[in-house]
Amino acid sequence: MSTFKRYLAGGPGAFVITVSLGILMANLIKVTFTPDTKTEAMSFEINNVVEDLPPPTERTVELTYVKVETPPPPPVFDYQPTSTPTVPTAILDDRIPPFVPPKLDRHVFTPIISDRDAQPLLRMKPVMPPRAEKSGHCRVRFDVTPDGQPFNVNAHYCTQSVFKRATIKSVERWKYQPKIAAGLPVSRHGVEAKITFKLADDAGRLIPE
């Protein structure tokens, strides 16, 4: 009941304050509107007239000529007249002179060939045996025919027996210049050579003997 009395006592005061604030705000925002009857004069010019330009005037350039003097003629020298040769012209004979080949008697003429030892012409590389596990070599002894063909091939020492057969097959395919004695090809005995087999792993490194 006391709350209602407080609302009833304070209501008229609050109403008066609210109405006074409304009247004050209305006076502050009140503006008198005066219409502007003046209009700004604007003018536009369409199809302007293009003034003709005066024609160009011709310019005259005065040319000046320089007189060039003609150079004097070159000097004339006196030459002594050459005498006509009195020696007749030689006539060369372009024919090939006759040639008589010398006659050689096969019974009298004997070609001289110097003595020499057997010389290698072709050496075939040996084939690496598939069962080889490391590098190695063989020492071989053989003879050479008068035609330059090795024979009696003997591999008398090998680091591994697997290299022996491949060594013999390789040497038998070699070719030699035969030994010359007294101008004639003869057999050569006791020729020795060393056959080397080099085996590498998958990385390319040499596997020693």
N, C-alpha and C. Protein backbone atom coordinates (compact mmCIF):
# COMPACT_ATOMS: atom_id res chain seq x y z
N MET A 1 0.85 -1.20 0.00
CA MET A 1 0.00 0.00 0.00
C MET A 1 0.87 1.24 0.00
N SER A 2 2.04 1.13 0.63
CA SER A 2 2.97 2.26 0.65
C SER A 2 3.55 2.54 -0.71
N THR A 3 3.74 1.51 -1.52
CA THR A 3 4.30 1.66 -2.88
C THR A 3 3.33 2.43 -3.75
N PHE A 4 2.05 2.16 -3.68
CA PHE A 4 1.04 2.85 -4.49
C PHE A 4 1.01 4.33 -4.13
N LYS A 5 1.17 4.64 -2.84
CA LYS A 5 1.15 6.03 -2.40
C LYS A 5 2.35 6.77 -2.97
N ARG A 6 3.54 6.07 -3.04
CA ARG A 6 4.72 6.74 -3.59
C ARG A 6 4.51 7.05 -5.08
N TYR A 7 3.95 6.11 -5.87
CA TYR A 7 3.65 6.36 -7.28
C TYR A 7 2.65 7.49 -7.44
N LEU A 8 1.65 7.54 -6.56
CA LEU A 8 0.60 8.56 -6.67
C LEU A 8 1.15 9.94 -6.33
N ALA A 9 2.13 9.98 -5.42
CA ALA A 9 2.69 11.28 -5.03
C ALA A 9 3.68 11.79 -6.06
N GLY A 10 4.46 10.92 -6.69
CA GLY A 10 5.48 11.36 -7.64
C GLY A 10 5.00 11.43 -9.07
N GLY A 11 3.80 10.95 -9.44
CA GLY A 11 3.33 10.93 -10.82
C GLY A 11 3.13 12.31 -11.40
N PRO A 12 2.43 13.26 -10.72
CA PRO A 12 2.22 14.59 -11.32
C PRO A 12 3.53 15.30 -11.59
N GLY A 13 4.53 15.19 -10.69
CA GLY A 13 5.80 15.86 -10.93
C GLY A 13 6.51 15.33 -12.15
N ALA A 14 6.49 14.00 -12.31
CA ALA A 14 7.15 13.42 -13.48
C ALA A 14 6.46 13.80 -14.76
N PHE A 15 5.14 13.94 -14.75
CA PHE A 15 4.39 14.31 -15.96
C PHE A 15 4.76 15.72 -16.39
N VAL A 16 4.87 16.61 -15.38
CA VAL A 16 5.19 18.00 -15.70
C VAL A 16 6.59 18.10 -16.31
N ILE A 17 7.52 17.36 -15.75
CA ILE A 17 8.90 17.40 -16.27
C ILE A 17 8.96 16.85 -17.69
N THR A 18 8.25 15.78 -17.97
CA THR A 18 8.28 15.16 -19.31
C THR A 18 7.71 16.10 -20.35
N VAL A 19 6.56 16.76 -20.01
CA VAL A 19 5.93 17.69 -20.97
C VAL A 19 6.84 18.87 -21.22
N SER A 20 7.49 19.39 -20.19
CA SER A 20 8.39 20.55 -20.36
C SER A 20 9.55 20.21 -21.27
N LEU A 21 10.14 19.02 -21.10
CA LEU A 21 11.25 18.61 -21.98
C LEU A 21 10.79 18.47 -23.42
N GLY A 22 9.57 17.96 -23.65
CA GLY A 22 9.08 17.81 -25.02
C GLY A 22 8.90 19.15 -25.70
N ILE A 23 8.34 20.15 -24.94
CA ILE A 23 8.15 21.47 -25.55
C ILE A 23 9.50 22.10 -25.87
N LEU A 24 10.48 21.93 -24.99
CA LEU A 24 11.81 22.49 -25.23
C LEU A 24 12.47 21.89 -26.47
N MET A 25 12.39 20.60 -26.66
CA MET A 25 12.98 19.94 -27.83
C MET A 25 12.29 20.36 -29.10
N ALA A 26 10.96 20.56 -29.06
CA ALA A 26 10.23 20.98 -30.26
C ALA A 26 10.67 22.36 -30.69
N ASN A 27 10.92 23.28 -29.72
CA ASN A 27 11.38 24.62 -30.07
C ASN A 27 12.80 24.60 -30.65
N LEU A 28 13.59 23.68 -30.17
CA LEU A 28 14.97 23.63 -30.68
C LEU A 28 15.05 23.15 -32.13
N ILE A 29 14.20 22.23 -32.52
CA ILE A 29 14.30 21.67 -33.89
C ILE A 29 13.37 22.37 -34.85
N LYS A 30 12.68 23.41 -34.40
CA LYS A 30 11.76 24.12 -35.29
C LYS A 30 12.55 24.98 -36.24
N VAL A 31 12.34 24.83 -37.58
CA VAL A 31 13.05 25.59 -38.61
C VAL A 31 12.03 26.12 -39.58
N THR A 32 12.15 27.39 -39.91
CA THR A 32 11.25 28.01 -40.88
C THR A 32 11.79 27.79 -42.27
N PHE A 33 11.03 27.15 -43.19
CA PHE A 33 11.46 26.84 -44.54
C PHE A 33 11.11 27.98 -45.45
N THR A 34 12.06 28.52 -46.14
CA THR A 34 11.86 29.59 -47.11
C THR A 34 12.30 29.08 -48.46
N PRO A 35 11.40 28.89 -49.41
CA PRO A 35 11.78 28.36 -50.73
C PRO A 35 12.63 29.37 -51.48
N ASP A 36 13.66 28.86 -52.24
CA ASP A 36 14.57 29.68 -53.04
C ASP A 36 14.00 29.77 -54.44
N THR A 37 13.55 30.94 -54.82
CA THR A 37 12.91 31.13 -56.13
C THR A 37 13.91 31.50 -57.21
N LYS A 38 15.18 31.80 -56.85
CA LYS A 38 16.16 32.19 -57.85
C LYS A 38 16.75 30.94 -58.50
N THR A 39 16.89 30.97 -59.79
CA THR A 39 17.51 29.88 -60.56
C THR A 39 18.77 30.39 -61.22
N GLU A 40 19.75 29.56 -61.31
CA GLU A 40 21.04 29.94 -61.91
C GLU A 40 20.94 29.82 -63.42
N ALA A 41 21.30 30.88 -64.08
CA ALA A 41 21.25 30.89 -65.54
C ALA A 41 22.41 30.08 -66.10
N MET A 42 22.11 29.10 -66.94
CA MET A 42 23.12 28.25 -67.56
C MET A 42 22.95 28.30 -69.06
N SER A 43 24.02 28.40 -69.79
CA SER A 43 23.98 28.47 -71.26
C SER A 43 24.94 27.43 -71.84
N PHE A 44 24.53 26.79 -72.92
CA PHE A 44 25.32 25.79 -73.62
C PHE A 44 25.45 26.21 -75.07
N GLU A 45 26.63 25.98 -75.65
CA GLU A 45 26.89 26.36 -77.04
C GLU A 45 27.06 25.08 -77.85
N ILE A 46 26.21 24.89 -78.85
CA ILE A 46 26.19 23.68 -79.68
C ILE A 46 26.66 24.06 -81.08
N ASN A 47 27.40 23.13 -81.71
CA ASN A 47 27.91 23.34 -83.07
C ASN A 47 28.77 24.60 -83.12
N ASN A 48 29.91 24.51 -82.42
CA ASN A 48 30.81 25.66 -82.42
C ASN A 48 31.33 25.93 -83.82
N VAL A 49 31.52 27.16 -84.10
CA VAL A 49 32.02 27.56 -85.42
C VAL A 49 33.54 27.46 -85.39
N VAL A 50 34.12 26.68 -86.35
CA VAL A 50 35.57 26.49 -86.42
C VAL A 50 36.14 27.56 -87.31
N GLU A 51 37.07 28.28 -86.77
CA GLU A 51 37.69 29.34 -87.54
C GLU A 51 38.72 28.76 -88.49
N ASP A 52 38.74 29.24 -89.71
CA ASP A 52 39.69 28.77 -90.72
C ASP A 52 41.07 29.34 -90.40
N LEU A 53 42.07 28.44 -90.51
CA LEU A 53 43.44 28.88 -90.30
C LEU A 53 43.97 29.54 -91.53
N PRO A 54 44.83 30.49 -91.39
CA PRO A 54 45.39 31.15 -92.58
C PRO A 54 46.30 30.18 -93.33
N PRO A 55 46.34 30.29 -94.65
CA PRO A 55 47.20 29.38 -95.44
C PRO A 55 48.66 29.59 -95.08
N PRO A 56 49.47 28.49 -95.15
CA PRO A 56 50.89 28.64 -94.83
C PRO A 56 51.61 29.50 -95.84
N THR A 57 52.51 30.24 -95.36
CA THR A 57 53.30 31.10 -96.24
C THR A 57 54.50 30.33 -96.75
N GLU A 58 54.85 30.56 -97.99
CA GLU A 58 55.99 29.90 -98.61
C GLU A 58 57.28 30.57 -98.14
N ARG A 59 58.25 29.68 -97.78
CA ARG A 59 59.54 30.17 -97.33
C ARG A 59 60.56 29.98 -98.45
N THR A 60 61.24 30.98 -98.75
CA THR A 60 62.25 30.93 -99.80
C THR A 60 63.62 30.81 -99.15
N VAL A 61 64.38 29.83 -99.65
CA VAL A 61 65.73 29.59 -99.13
C VAL A 61 66.71 30.00 -100.19
N GLU A 62 67.59 30.85 -99.84
CA GLU A 62 68.60 31.31 -100.78
C GLU A 62 69.76 30.31 -100.80
N LEU A 63 70.05 29.83 -102.00
CA LEU A 63 71.14 28.87 -102.18
C LEU A 63 72.39 29.63 -102.57
N THR A 64 73.46 29.25 -101.89
CA THR A 64 74.75 29.87 -102.19
C THR A 64 75.64 28.84 -102.87
N TYR A 65 76.22 29.19 -103.95
CA TYR A 65 77.09 28.30 -104.71
C TYR A 65 78.54 28.72 -104.51
N VAL A 66 79.37 27.67 -104.30
CA VAL A 66 80.80 27.90 -104.12
C VAL A 66 81.51 27.50 -105.40
N LYS A 67 82.29 28.33 -105.91
CA LYS A 67 83.01 28.05 -107.13
C LYS A 67 84.19 27.14 -106.84
N VAL A 68 84.27 26.01 -107.58
CA VAL A 68 85.34 25.03 -107.39
C VAL A 68 86.31 25.15 -108.54
N GLU A 69 87.57 25.24 -108.19
CA GLU A 69 88.59 25.36 -109.23
C GLU A 69 88.94 23.98 -109.77
N THR A 70 89.10 23.87 -111.06
CA THR A 70 89.46 22.61 -111.70
C THR A 70 90.92 22.30 -111.40
N PRO A 71 91.21 21.04 -110.91
CA PRO A 71 92.62 20.71 -110.60
C PRO A 71 93.44 20.62 -111.88
N PRO A 72 94.71 20.80 -111.75
CA PRO A 72 95.56 20.73 -112.95
C PRO A 72 95.67 19.28 -113.44
N PRO A 73 95.96 19.06 -114.71
CA PRO A 73 96.09 17.70 -115.24
C PRO A 73 97.32 17.01 -114.65
N PRO A 74 97.32 15.66 -114.60
CA PRO A 74 98.47 14.93 -114.05
C PRO A 74 99.70 15.12 -114.92
N PRO A 75 100.84 15.00 -114.30
CA PRO A 75 102.07 15.18 -115.10
C PRO A 75 102.29 14.02 -116.07
N VAL A 76 102.90 14.30 -117.15
CA VAL A 76 103.20 13.31 -118.20
C VAL A 76 104.68 12.99 -118.14
N PHE A 77 104.98 11.70 -118.01
CA PHE A 77 106.37 11.25 -117.94
C PHE A 77 106.78 10.67 -119.29
N ASP A 78 108.04 10.82 -119.58
CA ASP A 78 108.59 10.28 -120.82
C ASP A 78 109.04 8.84 -120.57
N TYR A 79 108.51 7.90 -121.33
CA TYR A 79 108.88 6.49 -121.24
C TYR A 79 109.74 6.12 -122.43
N GLN A 80 110.78 5.32 -122.10
CA GLN A 80 111.64 4.84 -123.18
C GLN A 80 110.95 3.70 -123.92
N PRO A 81 110.96 3.71 -125.19
CA PRO A 81 110.31 2.62 -125.94
C PRO A 81 111.06 1.31 -125.75
N THR A 82 110.30 0.21 -125.60
CA THR A 82 110.90 -1.12 -125.43
C THR A 82 111.24 -1.70 -126.78
N SER A 83 112.36 -2.42 -126.76
CA SER A 83 112.81 -3.02 -128.02
C SER A 83 112.15 -4.37 -128.20
N THR A 84 111.87 -4.72 -129.39
CA THR A 84 111.25 -6.00 -129.71
C THR A 84 112.28 -7.11 -129.59
N PRO A 85 111.97 -8.23 -128.87
CA PRO A 85 112.97 -9.32 -128.75
C PRO A 85 113.25 -9.94 -130.10
N THR A 86 114.54 -10.22 -130.26
CA THR A 86 114.99 -10.83 -131.53
C THR A 86 115.23 -12.33 -131.40
N VAL A 87 115.23 -12.86 -130.11
CA VAL A 87 115.47 -14.29 -129.91
C VAL A 87 114.18 -15.04 -130.22
N PRO A 88 114.22 -16.08 -131.02
CA PRO A 88 112.99 -16.81 -131.35
C PRO A 88 112.45 -17.55 -130.12
N THR A 89 111.16 -17.73 -130.09
CA THR A 89 110.50 -18.40 -128.97
C THR A 89 110.79 -19.90 -129.03
N ALA A 90 111.17 -20.45 -127.86
CA ALA A 90 111.49 -21.88 -127.81
C ALA A 90 110.20 -22.68 -127.85
N ILE A 91 110.24 -23.77 -128.57
CA ILE A 91 109.08 -24.67 -128.67
C ILE A 91 109.39 -25.91 -127.85
N LEU A 92 108.58 -26.17 -126.83
CA LEU A 92 108.79 -27.32 -125.95
C LEU A 92 108.07 -28.53 -126.52
N ASP A 93 108.76 -29.64 -126.41
CA ASP A 93 108.18 -30.91 -126.86
C ASP A 93 107.55 -31.59 -125.64
N ASP A 94 106.23 -31.69 -125.62
CA ASP A 94 105.53 -32.27 -124.47
C ASP A 94 105.34 -33.77 -124.59
N ARG A 95 106.01 -34.38 -125.53
CA ARG A 95 105.87 -35.84 -125.65
C ARG A 95 106.71 -36.54 -124.59
N ILE A 96 106.20 -37.67 -124.08
CA ILE A 96 106.91 -38.46 -123.06
C ILE A 96 108.02 -39.24 -123.75
N PRO A 97 109.22 -39.11 -123.22
CA PRO A 97 110.31 -39.85 -123.87
C PRO A 97 110.13 -41.35 -123.69
N PRO A 98 110.63 -42.11 -124.60
CA PRO A 98 110.46 -43.57 -124.49
C PRO A 98 111.22 -44.11 -123.28
N PHE A 99 110.61 -45.10 -122.62
CA PHE A 99 111.20 -45.71 -121.43
C PHE A 99 111.30 -47.21 -121.65
N VAL A 100 112.48 -47.70 -121.44
CA VAL A 100 112.73 -49.14 -121.61
C VAL A 100 112.89 -49.73 -120.22
N PRO A 101 111.94 -50.56 -119.76
CA PRO A 101 112.07 -51.14 -118.42
C PRO A 101 113.24 -52.10 -118.36
N PRO A 102 113.92 -52.12 -117.21
CA PRO A 102 115.05 -53.05 -117.10
C PRO A 102 114.55 -54.50 -117.01
N LYS A 103 115.34 -55.36 -117.51
CA LYS A 103 115.01 -56.79 -117.47
C LYS A 103 115.67 -57.42 -116.24
N LEU A 104 114.84 -58.09 -115.44
CA LEU A 104 115.34 -58.72 -114.23
C LEU A 104 115.28 -60.24 -114.41
N ASP A 105 116.35 -60.86 -114.10
CA ASP A 105 116.42 -62.32 -114.18
C ASP A 105 116.09 -62.89 -112.81
N ARG A 106 115.04 -63.68 -112.74
CA ARG A 106 114.65 -64.24 -111.46
C ARG A 106 115.71 -65.15 -110.87
N HIS A 107 116.51 -65.73 -111.70
CA HIS A 107 117.56 -66.63 -111.21
C HIS A 107 118.76 -65.85 -110.67
N VAL A 108 118.92 -64.61 -111.12
CA VAL A 108 120.06 -63.81 -110.69
C VAL A 108 119.66 -62.86 -109.55
N PHE A 109 118.44 -62.23 -109.68
CA PHE A 109 117.99 -61.25 -108.69
C PHE A 109 117.32 -61.97 -107.51
N THR A 110 117.76 -61.70 -106.31
CA THR A 110 117.19 -62.29 -105.10
C THR A 110 116.91 -61.17 -104.11
N PRO A 111 115.66 -60.96 -103.74
CA PRO A 111 115.36 -59.88 -102.77
C PRO A 111 115.97 -60.21 -101.41
N ILE A 112 116.46 -59.18 -100.74
CA ILE A 112 117.09 -59.35 -99.44
C ILE A 112 116.11 -58.90 -98.36
N ILE A 113 115.74 -59.79 -97.47
CA ILE A 113 114.84 -59.50 -96.37
C ILE A 113 115.61 -59.68 -95.08
N SER A 114 115.61 -58.63 -94.24
CA SER A 114 116.36 -58.70 -93.00
C SER A 114 115.69 -59.66 -92.03
N ASP A 115 116.53 -60.31 -91.21
CA ASP A 115 115.99 -61.24 -90.22
C ASP A 115 115.26 -60.48 -89.12
N ARG A 116 114.22 -61.11 -88.60
CA ARG A 116 113.46 -60.51 -87.50
C ARG A 116 112.79 -61.63 -86.72
N ASP A 117 112.42 -61.30 -85.50
CA ASP A 117 111.71 -62.24 -84.65
C ASP A 117 110.21 -62.13 -84.93
N ALA A 118 109.48 -63.09 -84.41
CA ALA A 118 108.02 -63.06 -84.57
C ALA A 118 107.44 -61.86 -83.85
N GLN A 119 106.54 -61.12 -84.52
CA GLN A 119 105.93 -59.92 -83.97
C GLN A 119 104.40 -60.10 -83.92
N PRO A 120 103.75 -59.74 -82.79
CA PRO A 120 102.30 -59.91 -82.70
C PRO A 120 101.56 -58.90 -83.58
N LEU A 121 100.54 -59.37 -84.29
CA LEU A 121 99.68 -58.52 -85.11
C LEU A 121 98.29 -58.35 -84.49
N LEU A 122 97.75 -59.43 -83.93
CA LEU A 122 96.39 -59.40 -83.39
C LEU A 122 96.35 -60.26 -82.13
N ARG A 123 95.85 -59.68 -81.05
CA ARG A 123 95.70 -60.42 -79.79
C ARG A 123 94.25 -60.30 -79.32
N MET A 124 93.56 -61.40 -79.26
CA MET A 124 92.18 -61.43 -78.82
C MET A 124 92.13 -61.47 -77.30
N LYS A 125 91.24 -60.65 -76.69
CA LYS A 125 91.08 -60.66 -75.24
C LYS A 125 90.39 -61.94 -74.79
N PRO A 126 90.82 -62.50 -73.67
CA PRO A 126 90.17 -63.73 -73.19
C PRO A 126 88.78 -63.44 -72.63
N VAL A 127 87.94 -64.46 -72.63
CA VAL A 127 86.60 -64.35 -72.08
C VAL A 127 86.64 -64.73 -70.60
N MET A 128 86.07 -63.88 -69.74
CA MET A 128 86.04 -64.14 -68.31
C MET A 128 85.18 -65.37 -68.02
N PRO A 129 85.72 -66.41 -67.39
CA PRO A 129 84.91 -67.59 -67.07
C PRO A 129 83.78 -67.23 -66.10
N PRO A 130 82.57 -67.76 -66.30
CA PRO A 130 81.46 -67.42 -65.40
C PRO A 130 81.66 -67.93 -63.97
N ARG A 131 82.52 -68.94 -63.79
CA ARG A 131 82.72 -69.49 -62.45
C ARG A 131 83.82 -68.78 -61.67
N ALA A 132 84.43 -67.75 -62.28
CA ALA A 132 85.51 -67.02 -61.59
C ALA A 132 84.93 -66.18 -60.47
N GLU A 133 85.63 -66.18 -59.32
CA GLU A 133 85.18 -65.43 -58.15
C GLU A 133 86.07 -64.23 -57.85
N LYS A 134 87.25 -64.15 -58.47
CA LYS A 134 88.14 -63.01 -58.27
C LYS A 134 89.08 -62.91 -59.47
N SER A 135 89.86 -61.85 -59.53
CA SER A 135 90.78 -61.65 -60.64
C SER A 135 91.92 -62.66 -60.57
N GLY A 136 92.65 -62.77 -61.70
CA GLY A 136 93.77 -63.71 -61.75
C GLY A 136 94.55 -63.56 -63.05
N HIS A 137 95.53 -64.45 -63.27
CA HIS A 137 96.32 -64.43 -64.50
C HIS A 137 96.88 -65.82 -64.77
N CYS A 138 97.34 -65.99 -66.02
CA CYS A 138 97.97 -67.24 -66.45
C CYS A 138 99.23 -66.90 -67.24
N ARG A 139 100.25 -67.73 -67.10
CA ARG A 139 101.46 -67.63 -67.91
C ARG A 139 101.42 -68.76 -68.93
N VAL A 140 101.60 -68.37 -70.21
CA VAL A 140 101.42 -69.33 -71.29
C VAL A 140 102.69 -69.37 -72.15
N ARG A 141 102.97 -70.54 -72.71
CA ARG A 141 104.10 -70.75 -73.61
C ARG A 141 103.57 -71.44 -74.87
N PHE A 142 104.03 -70.96 -76.06
CA PHE A 142 103.52 -71.52 -77.32
C PHE A 142 104.54 -71.31 -78.42
N ASP A 143 104.27 -71.92 -79.59
CA ASP A 143 105.10 -71.78 -80.79
C ASP A 143 104.29 -71.07 -81.87
N VAL A 144 105.01 -70.53 -82.88
CA VAL A 144 104.37 -69.81 -83.98
C VAL A 144 104.80 -70.45 -85.29
N THR A 145 103.83 -70.74 -86.16
CA THR A 145 104.12 -71.35 -87.45
C THR A 145 104.70 -70.31 -88.41
N PRO A 146 105.28 -70.73 -89.55
CA PRO A 146 105.75 -69.76 -90.55
C PRO A 146 104.64 -68.88 -91.10
N ASP A 147 103.37 -69.28 -90.91
CA ASP A 147 102.24 -68.46 -91.35
C ASP A 147 101.78 -67.48 -90.28
N GLY A 148 102.42 -67.51 -89.09
CA GLY A 148 102.04 -66.59 -88.04
C GLY A 148 100.93 -67.08 -87.14
N GLN A 149 100.67 -68.39 -87.12
CA GLN A 149 99.60 -68.94 -86.30
C GLN A 149 100.18 -69.64 -85.07
N PRO A 150 99.72 -69.30 -83.82
CA PRO A 150 100.22 -69.99 -82.63
C PRO A 150 99.75 -71.44 -82.59
N PHE A 151 100.63 -72.32 -82.06
CA PHE A 151 100.26 -73.72 -81.85
C PHE A 151 101.06 -74.23 -80.65
N ASN A 152 100.71 -75.46 -80.21
CA ASN A 152 101.32 -76.04 -79.00
C ASN A 152 101.17 -75.07 -77.81
N VAL A 153 99.97 -74.53 -77.63
CA VAL A 153 99.73 -73.57 -76.56
C VAL A 153 99.63 -74.33 -75.24
N ASN A 154 100.42 -73.90 -74.24
CA ASN A 154 100.46 -74.56 -72.93
C ASN A 154 100.41 -73.50 -71.84
N ALA A 155 99.32 -73.49 -71.04
CA ALA A 155 99.19 -72.60 -69.89
C ALA A 155 99.84 -73.30 -68.70
N HIS A 156 101.13 -73.04 -68.48
CA HIS A 156 101.88 -73.80 -67.48
C HIS A 156 101.68 -73.28 -66.06
N TYR A 157 101.09 -72.06 -65.91
CA TYR A 157 100.83 -71.56 -64.56
C TYR A 157 99.61 -70.65 -64.60
N CYS A 158 98.66 -70.91 -63.66
CA CYS A 158 97.46 -70.08 -63.52
C CYS A 158 97.17 -69.90 -62.03
N THR A 159 96.77 -68.70 -61.65
CA THR A 159 96.40 -68.46 -60.26
C THR A 159 95.16 -69.25 -59.87
N GLN A 160 94.28 -69.53 -60.84
CA GLN A 160 93.11 -70.36 -60.63
C GLN A 160 92.95 -71.25 -61.86
N SER A 161 92.61 -72.49 -61.65
CA SER A 161 92.47 -73.43 -62.76
C SER A 161 91.33 -73.06 -63.70
N VAL A 162 90.39 -72.23 -63.22
CA VAL A 162 89.25 -71.87 -64.06
C VAL A 162 89.68 -70.98 -65.23
N PHE A 163 90.88 -70.36 -65.14
CA PHE A 163 91.34 -69.48 -66.20
C PHE A 163 92.11 -70.22 -67.30
N LYS A 164 92.47 -71.47 -67.10
CA LYS A 164 93.36 -72.18 -68.03
C LYS A 164 92.72 -72.37 -69.40
N ARG A 165 91.51 -72.86 -69.46
CA ARG A 165 90.86 -73.14 -70.74
C ARG A 165 90.61 -71.84 -71.52
N ALA A 166 90.17 -70.78 -70.83
CA ALA A 166 89.92 -69.50 -71.51
C ALA A 166 91.22 -68.92 -72.06
N THR A 167 92.35 -69.14 -71.36
CA THR A 167 93.63 -68.63 -71.83
C THR A 167 94.06 -69.32 -73.12
N ILE A 168 93.96 -70.63 -73.18
CA ILE A 168 94.38 -71.38 -74.37
C ILE A 168 93.52 -70.99 -75.58
N LYS A 169 92.21 -70.87 -75.39
CA LYS A 169 91.34 -70.49 -76.51
C LYS A 169 91.67 -69.10 -77.03
N SER A 170 92.02 -68.20 -76.12
CA SER A 170 92.34 -66.84 -76.55
C SER A 170 93.63 -66.79 -77.34
N VAL A 171 94.70 -67.48 -76.88
CA VAL A 171 95.99 -67.44 -77.56
C VAL A 171 95.92 -68.13 -78.92
N GLU A 172 95.14 -69.16 -79.07
CA GLU A 172 95.03 -69.86 -80.35
C GLU A 172 94.41 -68.97 -81.43
N ARG A 173 93.76 -67.89 -81.06
CA ARG A 173 93.16 -66.98 -82.04
C ARG A 173 94.06 -65.79 -82.34
N TRP A 174 95.26 -65.73 -81.75
CA TRP A 174 96.17 -64.64 -82.02
C TRP A 174 96.77 -64.78 -83.41
N LYS A 175 97.35 -63.64 -83.91
CA LYS A 175 98.00 -63.63 -85.22
C LYS A 175 99.35 -62.94 -85.09
N TYR A 176 100.40 -63.55 -85.70
CA TYR A 176 101.76 -63.03 -85.61
C TYR A 176 102.36 -62.82 -86.99
N GLN A 177 103.31 -61.87 -87.05
CA GLN A 177 104.22 -61.83 -88.19
C GLN A 177 105.27 -62.93 -87.96
N PRO A 178 105.47 -63.81 -88.92
CA PRO A 178 106.38 -64.94 -88.67
C PRO A 178 107.82 -64.48 -88.50
N LYS A 179 108.59 -65.35 -87.93
CA LYS A 179 110.02 -65.10 -87.77
C LYS A 179 110.70 -65.25 -89.12
N ILE A 180 111.62 -64.32 -89.42
CA ILE A 180 112.37 -64.36 -90.68
C ILE A 180 113.81 -64.72 -90.37
N ALA A 181 114.30 -65.77 -91.03
CA ALA A 181 115.69 -66.21 -90.89
C ALA A 181 116.24 -66.50 -92.28
N ALA A 182 117.33 -65.84 -92.64
CA ALA A 182 117.95 -65.99 -93.96
C ALA A 182 116.96 -65.63 -95.06
N GLY A 183 116.12 -64.65 -94.80
CA GLY A 183 115.18 -64.17 -95.80
C GLY A 183 113.94 -65.03 -95.96
N LEU A 184 113.76 -66.08 -95.13
CA LEU A 184 112.62 -66.98 -95.27
C LEU A 184 111.86 -67.05 -93.95
N PRO A 185 110.49 -67.16 -93.99
CA PRO A 185 109.71 -67.33 -92.75
C PRO A 185 109.92 -68.72 -92.16
N VAL A 186 110.17 -68.77 -90.87
CA VAL A 186 110.39 -70.03 -90.17
C VAL A 186 109.54 -70.05 -88.92
N SER A 187 109.48 -71.18 -88.27
CA SER A 187 108.72 -71.32 -87.03
C SER A 187 109.48 -70.66 -85.88
N ARG A 188 108.72 -70.21 -84.93
CA ARG A 188 109.29 -69.59 -83.73
C ARG A 188 108.83 -70.42 -82.53
N HIS A 189 109.76 -70.85 -81.71
CA HIS A 189 109.45 -71.72 -80.58
C HIS A 189 109.69 -70.98 -79.26
N GLY A 190 108.90 -71.36 -78.28
CA GLY A 190 109.11 -70.86 -76.93
C GLY A 190 108.67 -69.42 -76.71
N VAL A 191 107.61 -68.99 -77.38
CA VAL A 191 107.09 -67.64 -77.14
C VAL A 191 106.29 -67.67 -75.82
N GLU A 192 106.52 -66.70 -74.94
CA GLU A 192 105.84 -66.65 -73.65
C GLU A 192 105.04 -65.36 -73.54
N ALA A 193 103.92 -65.46 -72.82
CA ALA A 193 103.05 -64.29 -72.62
C ALA A 193 102.30 -64.47 -71.31
N LYS A 194 101.77 -63.35 -70.79
CA LYS A 194 100.98 -63.36 -69.57
C LYS A 194 99.58 -62.88 -69.89
N ILE A 195 98.58 -63.67 -69.53
CA ILE A 195 97.18 -63.35 -69.76
C ILE A 195 96.56 -62.97 -68.43
N THR A 196 95.97 -61.75 -68.35
CA THR A 196 95.41 -61.23 -67.11
C THR A 196 93.89 -61.21 -67.19
N PHE A 197 93.24 -61.64 -66.13
CA PHE A 197 91.78 -61.60 -66.00
C PHE A 197 91.44 -60.64 -64.86
N LYS A 198 90.62 -59.60 -65.18
CA LYS A 198 90.21 -58.61 -64.18
C LYS A 198 88.70 -58.73 -63.96
N LEU A 199 88.34 -59.00 -62.71
CA LEU A 199 86.94 -59.18 -62.33
C LEU A 199 86.53 -58.06 -61.38
N ALA A 200 85.37 -57.44 -61.61
CA ALA A 200 84.87 -56.33 -60.79
C ALA A 200 83.53 -56.73 -60.17
N ASP A 201 83.21 -56.09 -59.02
CA ASP A 201 81.94 -56.37 -58.36
C ASP A 201 80.84 -55.49 -58.97
N ASP A 202 79.66 -55.53 -58.36
CA ASP A 202 78.52 -54.77 -58.88
C ASP A 202 78.75 -53.28 -58.81
N ALA A 203 79.57 -52.82 -57.89
CA ALA A 203 79.86 -51.38 -57.77
C ALA A 203 80.99 -50.94 -58.67
N GLY A 204 81.58 -51.85 -59.46
CA GLY A 204 82.67 -51.50 -60.35
C GLY A 204 84.04 -51.56 -59.72
N ARG A 205 84.14 -52.02 -58.48
CA ARG A 205 85.45 -52.12 -57.81
C ARG A 205 86.13 -53.44 -58.20
N LEU A 206 87.44 -53.36 -58.47
CA LEU A 206 88.20 -54.51 -58.89
C LEU A 206 88.35 -55.48 -57.73
N ILE A 207 88.09 -56.77 -58.00
CA ILE A 207 88.28 -57.81 -56.99
C ILE A 207 89.70 -58.33 -57.17
N PRO A 208 90.59 -58.13 -56.19
CA PRO A 208 91.98 -58.54 -56.37
C PRO A 208 92.13 -60.07 -56.44
N GLU A 209 93.33 -60.48 -56.87
CA GLU A 209 93.60 -61.91 -56.98
C GLU A 209 93.65 -62.57 -55.60
